[in-house]
N, C-alpha and C. Protein backbone atom coordinates (compact mmCIF):
# COMPACT_ATOMS: atom_id res chain seq x y z
N MET A 1 19.22 66.84 101.24
CA MET A 1 19.86 67.85 100.11
C MET A 1 19.97 69.00 100.55
N ARG A 2 19.75 69.50 101.34
CA ARG A 2 19.37 71.12 101.68
C ARG A 2 21.61 71.25 102.20
N ILE A 3 21.91 70.17 103.14
CA ILE A 3 23.21 70.10 103.37
C ILE A 3 24.13 70.31 101.62
N ARG A 4 23.71 69.56 101.26
CA ARG A 4 24.58 69.10 99.87
C ARG A 4 24.45 70.45 99.17
N ALA A 5 23.59 71.41 98.95
CA ALA A 5 23.37 72.53 98.16
C ALA A 5 24.26 73.51 98.65
N TRP A 6 24.00 73.81 99.96
CA TRP A 6 24.81 74.58 100.93
C TRP A 6 26.68 74.43 100.43
N LEU A 7 27.08 72.61 100.59
CA LEU A 7 28.01 72.51 100.46
C LEU A 7 28.59 72.64 99.11
N SER A 8 27.53 72.57 98.61
CA SER A 8 28.20 72.94 96.58
C SER A 8 28.40 74.70 96.57
N ARG A 9 27.49 75.57 97.06
CA ARG A 9 27.57 76.97 96.92
C ARG A 9 28.73 76.93 97.79
N ALA A 10 28.99 76.75 99.02
CA ALA A 10 30.19 77.29 99.69
C ALA A 10 31.35 76.65 98.98
N HIS A 11 31.85 75.52 97.85
CA HIS A 11 32.49 74.93 97.50
C HIS A 11 32.78 75.96 96.30
N ARG A 12 32.05 76.58 95.89
CA ARG A 12 32.07 77.49 94.25
C ARG A 12 32.80 78.63 94.74
N THR A 13 31.98 79.37 95.69
CA THR A 13 32.75 80.34 96.44
C THR A 13 34.06 80.23 96.61
N ILE A 14 34.46 79.63 97.47
CA ILE A 14 35.56 79.56 97.96
C ILE A 14 36.86 79.18 96.67
N ALA A 15 36.26 78.35 95.81
CA ALA A 15 36.99 78.09 94.84
C ALA A 15 37.11 79.75 93.54
N VAL A 16 36.18 80.41 93.41
CA VAL A 16 36.08 81.47 92.57
C VAL A 16 37.48 82.72 93.86
N VAL A 17 37.42 82.45 95.11
CA VAL A 17 38.16 83.43 95.76
C VAL A 17 39.53 83.19 95.56
N ALA A 18 39.42 81.75 95.73
CA ALA A 18 41.06 81.08 95.58
C ALA A 18 41.52 81.14 93.70
N GLY A 19 40.76 81.05 92.81
CA GLY A 19 41.06 81.69 91.67
C GLY A 19 41.43 82.20 91.60
N VAL A 20 40.97 83.36 92.36
CA VAL A 20 41.57 85.02 91.72
C VAL A 20 42.59 85.19 92.25
N TRP A 21 42.87 84.38 93.66
CA TRP A 21 44.20 84.60 94.58
C TRP A 21 45.42 84.13 93.87
N VAL A 22 45.17 82.67 93.32
CA VAL A 22 45.91 82.54 91.95
C VAL A 22 47.02 82.76 91.19
N VAL A 23 45.42 83.22 90.37
CA VAL A 23 46.13 84.24 89.35
C VAL A 23 46.69 85.58 89.83
N ALA A 24 46.21 86.22 90.49
CA ALA A 24 47.08 87.27 91.18
C ALA A 24 48.70 86.92 91.46
N ILE A 25 48.46 86.00 92.06
CA ILE A 25 50.21 85.30 92.34
C ILE A 25 50.43 84.97 91.32
N GLY A 26 49.99 84.52 90.43
CA GLY A 26 50.65 83.66 88.81
C GLY A 26 51.33 85.28 88.06
N LEU A 27 50.35 86.00 88.32
CA LEU A 27 50.67 87.62 87.34
C LEU A 27 51.80 88.05 87.71
N THR A 28 51.87 88.24 89.33
CA THR A 28 52.93 88.92 89.76
C THR A 28 54.11 88.59 90.06
N GLY A 29 53.99 87.05 89.96
CA GLY A 29 55.22 86.34 89.94
C GLY A 29 55.66 86.55 88.52
N ALA A 30 55.03 86.47 87.37
CA ALA A 30 55.50 86.46 86.04
C ALA A 30 56.28 87.89 85.84
N LEU A 31 55.61 88.78 86.58
CA LEU A 31 56.02 90.19 86.21
C LEU A 31 57.83 90.20 86.92
N LEU A 32 57.70 89.85 87.83
CA LEU A 32 58.91 89.85 88.66
C LEU A 32 60.06 88.89 87.89
N VAL A 33 59.38 87.64 87.65
CA VAL A 33 60.40 86.98 86.49
C VAL A 33 61.20 87.26 85.73
N PHE A 34 60.24 88.09 84.86
CA PHE A 34 60.36 88.77 83.60
C PHE A 34 60.81 90.20 83.44
N ALA A 35 60.89 90.65 84.69
CA ALA A 35 61.06 92.05 85.01
C ALA A 35 62.68 92.75 84.25
N PRO A 36 63.77 91.74 84.09
CA PRO A 36 64.91 92.67 83.01
C PRO A 36 64.67 92.65 81.64
N GLU A 37 63.62 91.38 81.43
CA GLU A 37 63.45 92.00 79.88
C GLU A 37 62.19 92.75 79.14
N LEU A 38 61.80 92.83 80.61
CA LEU A 38 60.68 93.93 80.53
C LEU A 38 60.91 95.21 80.57
N GLU A 39 62.07 95.74 81.23
CA GLU A 39 63.01 96.90 81.23
C GLU A 39 63.55 97.03 80.06
N ALA A 40 64.31 95.97 79.68
CA ALA A 40 64.91 96.00 78.42
C ALA A 40 64.15 96.59 77.14
N TRP A 41 63.07 96.01 77.75
CA TRP A 41 61.69 96.49 76.17
C TRP A 41 61.59 97.84 76.53
N SER A 42 61.12 98.30 77.76
CA SER A 42 61.04 99.86 77.83
C SER A 42 62.16 101.02 77.39
N SER A 43 63.04 100.26 77.65
CA SER A 43 64.19 101.50 77.51
C SER A 43 65.14 100.90 76.50
N PRO A 44 64.95 100.31 75.26
CA PRO A 44 66.15 100.17 74.67
C PRO A 44 66.99 100.66 74.25
N GLU A 45 67.33 101.98 74.47
CA GLU A 45 68.38 103.10 74.65
C GLU A 45 69.59 102.97 75.58
N LEU A 46 68.90 102.22 76.65
CA LEU A 46 69.60 101.94 77.73
C LEU A 46 70.18 100.34 77.77
N PHE A 47 69.74 99.74 76.99
CA PHE A 47 70.18 98.07 77.18
C PHE A 47 70.92 97.82 75.74
N ARG A 48 70.73 98.23 74.50
CA ARG A 48 70.88 97.49 73.05
C ARG A 48 72.48 98.81 72.86
N VAL A 49 72.85 98.07 72.20
CA VAL A 49 74.48 98.43 71.86
C VAL A 49 74.48 97.67 70.28
N ALA A 50 75.21 98.81 69.67
CA ALA A 50 75.56 97.92 68.09
C ALA A 50 77.23 97.53 68.83
N PRO A 51 77.14 96.11 68.51
CA PRO A 51 78.58 95.74 68.64
C PRO A 51 79.41 96.58 67.60
N GLY A 52 80.62 96.35 67.80
CA GLY A 52 81.67 96.91 67.48
C GLY A 52 82.89 95.87 67.49
N ASP A 53 84.08 96.15 66.92
CA ASP A 53 85.42 95.19 67.15
C ASP A 53 85.67 94.86 67.87
N SER A 54 86.17 96.03 68.74
CA SER A 54 86.74 95.36 70.17
C SER A 54 85.79 96.43 71.37
N ARG A 55 86.36 95.85 72.50
CA ARG A 55 85.82 96.59 73.70
C ARG A 55 86.49 97.43 74.28
N TYR A 56 86.30 98.24 75.00
CA TYR A 56 87.04 99.43 76.21
C TYR A 56 87.48 98.21 77.15
N SER A 57 88.60 98.68 77.62
CA SER A 57 88.99 97.63 78.84
C SER A 57 87.74 98.36 80.25
N LEU A 58 87.57 97.33 81.50
CA LEU A 58 86.87 97.88 82.24
C LEU A 58 87.73 98.86 83.58
N ASP A 59 88.92 98.77 83.14
CA ASP A 59 89.45 99.92 84.15
C ASP A 59 89.01 101.30 83.17
N ALA A 60 88.92 101.46 82.10
CA ALA A 60 88.84 102.78 81.10
C ALA A 60 87.50 103.23 81.35
N ILE A 61 86.26 101.87 81.44
CA ILE A 61 84.62 102.28 81.48
C ILE A 61 84.57 102.44 83.43
N VAL A 62 85.36 101.98 83.97
CA VAL A 62 85.15 102.31 85.56
C VAL A 62 85.51 103.89 85.86
N SER A 63 87.00 104.29 85.29
CA SER A 63 87.50 105.18 85.20
C SER A 63 86.37 106.56 84.79
N THR A 64 85.68 106.48 83.70
CA THR A 64 84.85 107.09 82.63
C THR A 64 83.78 107.48 83.99
N ALA A 65 83.04 106.52 84.55
CA ALA A 65 82.03 106.36 85.49
C ALA A 65 82.39 107.24 86.74
N SER A 66 83.53 106.99 87.34
CA SER A 66 84.00 107.29 88.38
C SER A 66 84.08 109.06 88.65
N GLN A 67 84.58 109.32 87.43
CA GLN A 67 84.93 110.94 86.73
C GLN A 67 83.21 111.52 86.88
N ARG A 68 82.38 111.12 86.39
CA ARG A 68 80.77 111.03 86.14
C ARG A 68 80.15 111.68 87.38
N PHE A 69 80.57 110.13 88.20
CA PHE A 69 79.90 110.18 89.78
C PHE A 69 80.53 110.24 90.37
N PRO A 70 81.48 111.24 90.88
CA PRO A 70 82.54 110.88 91.99
C PRO A 70 82.51 110.57 93.47
N HIS A 71 81.41 110.54 93.52
CA HIS A 71 80.65 110.45 95.30
C HIS A 71 79.71 109.30 95.07
N GLU A 72 79.81 108.28 94.38
CA GLU A 72 79.70 107.04 94.53
C GLU A 72 80.33 106.11 93.76
N PRO A 73 80.88 105.36 94.90
CA PRO A 73 82.00 104.17 95.05
C PRO A 73 81.32 102.86 93.87
N LEU A 74 81.88 102.53 93.17
CA LEU A 74 81.84 101.36 92.36
C LEU A 74 81.42 100.06 93.25
N PHE A 75 80.17 99.29 93.14
CA PHE A 75 79.63 98.46 93.91
C PHE A 75 79.57 96.86 93.31
N ARG A 76 79.42 96.80 91.96
CA ARG A 76 79.26 95.61 91.12
C ARG A 76 79.12 96.11 89.60
N ILE A 77 79.68 95.26 89.25
CA ILE A 77 79.70 95.27 87.58
C ILE A 77 78.96 94.15 86.85
N ARG A 78 78.26 94.20 86.10
CA ARG A 78 77.44 93.20 85.42
C ARG A 78 78.21 93.03 84.37
N LEU A 79 78.66 92.29 83.47
CA LEU A 79 78.81 91.89 82.37
C LEU A 79 77.34 91.81 81.25
N PRO A 80 78.32 92.21 80.00
CA PRO A 80 76.82 91.82 79.12
C PRO A 80 76.99 90.29 78.86
N ASP A 81 75.69 89.93 78.79
CA ASP A 81 75.48 88.74 78.21
C ASP A 81 75.94 88.09 76.50
N SER A 82 75.14 89.08 75.76
CA SER A 82 75.33 88.94 74.28
C SER A 82 76.26 89.86 73.76
N PRO A 83 76.67 90.19 72.78
CA PRO A 83 77.34 91.40 71.77
C PRO A 83 76.47 92.09 71.85
N GLU A 84 74.91 92.33 71.76
CA GLU A 84 74.36 93.69 71.79
C GLU A 84 73.78 94.11 73.11
N ASP A 85 74.60 93.57 74.20
CA ASP A 85 73.62 93.98 75.60
C ASP A 85 75.37 94.59 75.93
N ARG A 86 74.73 95.91 77.32
CA ARG A 86 75.12 97.11 77.57
C ARG A 86 75.85 96.21 78.85
N LEU A 87 77.28 96.92 79.34
CA LEU A 87 77.48 96.75 80.25
C LEU A 87 77.09 97.74 81.71
N GLU A 88 76.59 96.96 82.49
CA GLU A 88 75.98 97.71 83.71
C GLU A 88 76.89 98.04 84.98
N LEU A 89 76.96 99.17 85.36
CA LEU A 89 77.89 99.20 86.61
C LEU A 89 76.61 99.60 87.86
N TRP A 90 77.12 99.05 88.63
CA TRP A 90 75.82 99.13 89.79
C TRP A 90 77.27 100.26 90.95
N LEU A 91 76.77 101.82 91.15
CA LEU A 91 77.04 102.22 92.13
C LEU A 91 76.80 102.33 93.11
N SER A 92 77.36 102.65 94.85
CA SER A 92 76.92 102.71 95.68
C SER A 92 75.83 102.15 96.67
N SER A 93 76.57 101.07 97.08
CA SER A 93 75.24 100.01 97.68
C SER A 93 74.08 100.79 98.37
N THR A 94 74.24 101.90 98.52
CA THR A 94 73.23 102.62 99.68
C THR A 94 72.05 103.53 98.78
N SER A 95 72.69 104.04 97.36
CA SER A 95 71.95 104.66 96.14
C SER A 95 71.10 103.73 95.56
N GLY A 96 72.30 102.88 95.09
CA GLY A 96 71.74 101.33 94.26
C GLY A 96 71.79 101.98 92.64
N ARG A 97 72.29 102.86 92.48
CA ARG A 97 72.34 103.58 90.67
C ARG A 97 73.07 102.68 89.81
N ARG A 98 72.34 102.67 88.61
CA ARG A 98 72.77 102.06 87.70
C ARG A 98 73.14 102.90 86.63
N VAL A 99 74.43 102.05 86.08
CA VAL A 99 75.06 103.14 84.99
C VAL A 99 75.32 102.06 84.02
N TYR A 100 74.79 102.30 82.66
CA TYR A 100 74.52 101.62 81.73
C TYR A 100 75.63 102.26 80.91
N VAL A 101 76.34 101.34 80.14
CA VAL A 101 77.82 101.45 79.16
C VAL A 101 77.61 101.02 77.92
N ASP A 102 78.32 101.36 76.78
CA ASP A 102 78.43 101.02 75.99
C ASP A 102 79.78 100.20 75.91
N PRO A 103 79.88 98.72 75.99
CA PRO A 103 81.57 98.19 76.30
C PRO A 103 82.51 98.69 74.73
N TYR A 104 81.28 98.56 73.86
CA TYR A 104 82.76 99.28 72.73
C TYR A 104 83.40 100.44 72.58
N ARG A 105 82.34 101.19 72.83
CA ARG A 105 82.31 102.74 72.37
C ARG A 105 83.04 103.64 74.04
N GLY A 106 82.70 102.93 75.25
CA GLY A 106 82.95 103.69 76.43
C GLY A 106 82.19 104.10 77.02
N THR A 107 81.15 105.06 76.17
CA THR A 107 80.48 105.84 76.60
C THR A 107 79.16 105.54 77.68
N ILE A 108 78.62 106.27 78.13
CA ILE A 108 78.08 106.18 79.00
C ILE A 108 76.39 106.15 78.35
N LEU A 109 75.74 105.57 78.41
CA LEU A 109 74.02 105.54 77.82
C LEU A 109 73.16 106.32 78.56
N GLY A 110 73.34 105.95 80.16
CA GLY A 110 72.40 106.68 80.55
C GLY A 110 72.67 106.34 82.24
N SER A 111 71.33 106.72 83.11
CA SER A 111 72.04 106.02 84.71
C SER A 111 70.58 106.03 85.14
N ARG A 112 70.19 105.14 86.12
CA ARG A 112 68.89 105.61 86.89
C ARG A 112 69.06 105.16 88.32
N LEU A 113 68.43 105.47 89.36
CA LEU A 113 68.24 105.06 90.70
C LEU A 113 67.02 103.67 90.08
N PRO A 114 67.03 102.84 91.56
CA PRO A 114 65.90 101.78 91.80
C PRO A 114 64.51 102.37 91.38
N GLU A 115 64.38 103.63 92.21
CA GLU A 115 62.99 104.16 92.08
C GLU A 115 62.95 104.46 90.90
N GLN A 116 63.44 105.13 89.74
CA GLN A 116 63.10 105.58 88.41
C GLN A 116 62.84 104.31 87.61
N THR A 117 63.11 103.23 87.94
CA THR A 117 62.77 102.04 86.94
C THR A 117 61.48 101.47 87.60
N PRO A 118 60.99 100.80 86.47
CA PRO A 118 59.47 100.59 86.53
C PRO A 118 59.21 99.15 87.56
N PHE A 119 60.48 98.62 88.32
CA PHE A 119 60.42 97.52 88.82
C PHE A 119 61.05 97.91 90.14
N GLY A 120 61.41 98.85 90.07
CA GLY A 120 62.74 99.63 91.33
C GLY A 120 61.75 99.52 92.73
């Protein structure tokens, strides 16, 4: 009976440690999966726009961004997912700056470096 009690205690101890580990993995994984939604929730002024009648051309938007950030070449363009979504320009693969643009008005809403974001 003594071995059974020891095995039961060892089993419970290992289960608690493993349970804490599994919960930590689940929570951090959920944060990574929902990072874009959490960033949009924390900074709606950068992520949401009022839809308009027509959109600016990509050439005009890229030209505006390159005038504002002349030493950071365009690396990637992320198009809006919905009518209320912003256009996102990724500049310079080394700095990783993100520039958020209203596609209807062509105005720059703001920019951030990765280390300035909650999940950077």
